[in-house]
Amino acid sequence: MWRFGFALWATWQMVRWAIVGAAVLFVLYLWGGFNGAFILAVFGVGLGLFGLKRTLANLYRRELAERR
């Protein structure tokens, strides 16, 4: 049950931060269109989401190893 709960929580975190990132990108696109700031923001949001995914995966592996 713990694994299922953690998977739901981790999914919620990814969805929540993806929505925030999409909102930031939407505002930047409305403000200046497809320019350098938008491209940098796309890379920033992508790196942030990738880092969050890796952090959650490492946390899951560490907790799983400590539970055994």
C-alpha atoms as a PDB file:
ATOM      1  CA  MET A   1       0.000   0.000   0.000  1.00  0.00           C
ATOM      2  CA  TRP A   2       2.882   2.342   0.761  1.00  0.00           C
ATOM      3  CA  ARG A   3       4.254   1.972  -2.773  1.00  0.00           C
ATOM      4  CA  PHE A   4       0.905   2.822  -4.312  1.00  0.00           C
ATOM      5  CA  GLY A   5       0.519   5.862  -2.073  1.00  0.00           C
ATOM      6  CA  PHE A   6       4.010   7.075  -2.875  1.00  0.00           C
ATOM      7  CA  ALA A   7       3.386   6.588  -6.595  1.00  0.00           C
ATOM      8  CA  LEU A   8       0.214   8.685  -6.369  1.00  0.00           C
ATOM      9  CA  TRP A   9       1.984  11.383  -4.368  1.00  0.00           C
ATOM     10  CA  ALA A  10       4.931  11.476  -6.787  1.00  0.00           C
ATOM     11  CA  THR A  11       2.545  11.670  -9.746  1.00  0.00           C
ATOM     12  CA  TRP A  12       0.713  14.533  -8.059  1.00  0.00           C
ATOM     13  CA  GLN A  13       4.011  16.396  -7.561  1.00  0.00           C
ATOM     14  CA  MET A  14       4.956  15.964 -11.220  1.00  0.00           C
ATOM     15  CA  VAL A  15       1.527  17.095 -12.431  1.00  0.00           C
ATOM     16  CA  ARG A  16       1.462  20.050 -10.054  1.00  0.00           C
ATOM     17  CA  TRP A  17       4.863  21.359 -11.107  1.00  0.00           C
ATOM     18  CA  ALA A  18       4.190  20.659 -14.778  1.00  0.00           C
ATOM     19  CA  ILE A  19       1.079  22.845 -14.542  1.00  0.00           C
ATOM     20  CA  VAL A  20       3.092  25.622 -12.893  1.00  0.00           C
ATOM     21  CA  GLY A  21       5.760  25.335 -15.597  1.00  0.00           C
ATOM     22  CA  ALA A  22       3.154  25.373 -18.357  1.00  0.00           C
ATOM     23  CA  ALA A  23       1.565  28.487 -16.849  1.00  0.00           C
ATOM     24  CA  VAL A  24       4.937  30.237 -16.754  1.00  0.00           C
ATOM     25  CA  LEU A  25       5.604  29.281 -20.358  1.00  0.00           C
ATOM     26  CA  PHE A  26       2.121  30.445 -21.377  1.00  0.00           C
ATOM     27  CA  VAL A  27       2.635  33.848 -19.761  1.00  0.00           C
ATOM     28  CA  LEU A  28       6.076  34.227 -21.336  1.00  0.00           C
ATOM     29  CA  TYR A  29       4.667  33.295 -24.725  1.00  0.00           C
ATOM     30  CA  LEU A  30       1.860  35.851 -24.404  1.00  0.00           C
ATOM     31  CA  TRP A  31       4.306  38.498 -23.224  1.00  0.00           C
ATOM     32  CA  GLY A  32       6.967  38.163 -25.887  1.00  0.00           C
ATOM     33  CA  GLY A  33       6.126  35.343 -28.233  1.00  0.00           C
ATOM     34  CA  PHE A  34       8.663  32.743 -29.277  1.00  0.00           C
ATOM     35  CA  ASN A  35      11.879  34.550 -28.317  1.00  0.00           C
ATOM     36  CA  GLY A  36      15.068  33.868 -26.394  1.00  0.00           C
ATOM     37  CA  ALA A  37      13.460  34.229 -22.961  1.00  0.00           C
ATOM     38  CA  PHE A  38      10.819  31.683 -23.899  1.00  0.00           C
ATOM     39  CA  ILE A  39      13.415  29.201 -25.118  1.00  0.00           C
ATOM     40  CA  LEU A  40      15.444  29.613 -21.919  1.00  0.00           C
ATOM     41  CA  ALA A  41      12.283  29.126 -19.881  1.00  0.00           C
ATOM     42  CA  VAL A  42      11.472  25.929 -21.813  1.00  0.00           C
ATOM     43  CA  PHE A  43      14.924  24.578 -20.954  1.00  0.00           C
ATOM     44  CA  GLY A  44      14.545  25.694 -17.336  1.00  0.00           C
ATOM     45  CA  VAL A  45      11.134  24.077 -16.922  1.00  0.00           C
ATOM     46  CA  GLY A  46      12.341  20.919 -18.630  1.00  0.00           C
ATOM     47  CA  LEU A  47      15.422  20.689 -16.420  1.00  0.00           C
ATOM     48  CA  GLY A  48      13.341  21.385 -13.333  1.00  0.00           C
ATOM     49  CA  LEU A  49      10.873  18.617 -14.140  1.00  0.00           C
ATOM     50  CA  PHE A  50      13.697  16.227 -14.985  1.00  0.00           C
ATOM     51  CA  GLY A  51      15.388  17.038 -11.668  1.00  0.00           C
ATOM     52  CA  LEU A  52      12.132  16.501  -9.790  1.00  0.00           C
ATOM     53  CA  LYS A  53      11.638  13.129 -11.471  1.00  0.00           C
ATOM     54  CA  ARG A  54      15.162  12.020 -10.574  1.00  0.00           C
ATOM     55  CA  THR A  55      14.782  13.248  -7.000  1.00  0.00           C
ATOM     56  CA  LEU A  56      11.507  11.388  -6.521  1.00  0.00           C
ATOM     57  CA  ALA A  57      12.947   8.232  -8.085  1.00  0.00           C
ATOM     58  CA  ASN A  58      15.999   8.370  -5.799  1.00  0.00           C
ATOM     59  CA  LEU A  59      13.787   8.964  -2.770  1.00  0.00           C
ATOM     60  CA  TYR A  60      11.673   5.955  -3.721  1.00  0.00           C
ATOM     61  CA  ARG A  61      14.737   3.739  -4.138  1.00  0.00           C
ATOM     62  CA  ARG A  62      16.221   4.891  -0.810  1.00  0.00           C
ATOM     63  CA  GLU A  63      12.979   4.356   1.097  1.00  0.00           C
ATOM     64  CA  LEU A  64      12.499   0.966  -0.527  1.00  0.00           C
ATOM     65  CA  ALA A  65      16.029  -0.094   0.485  1.00  0.00           C
ATOM     66  CA  GLU A  66      15.502   1.065   4.087  1.00  0.00           C
ATOM     67  CA  ARG A  67      12.193  -0.806   4.409  1.00  0.00           C
ATOM     68  CA  ARG A  68      13.749  -4.220   3.684  1.00  0.00           C
END
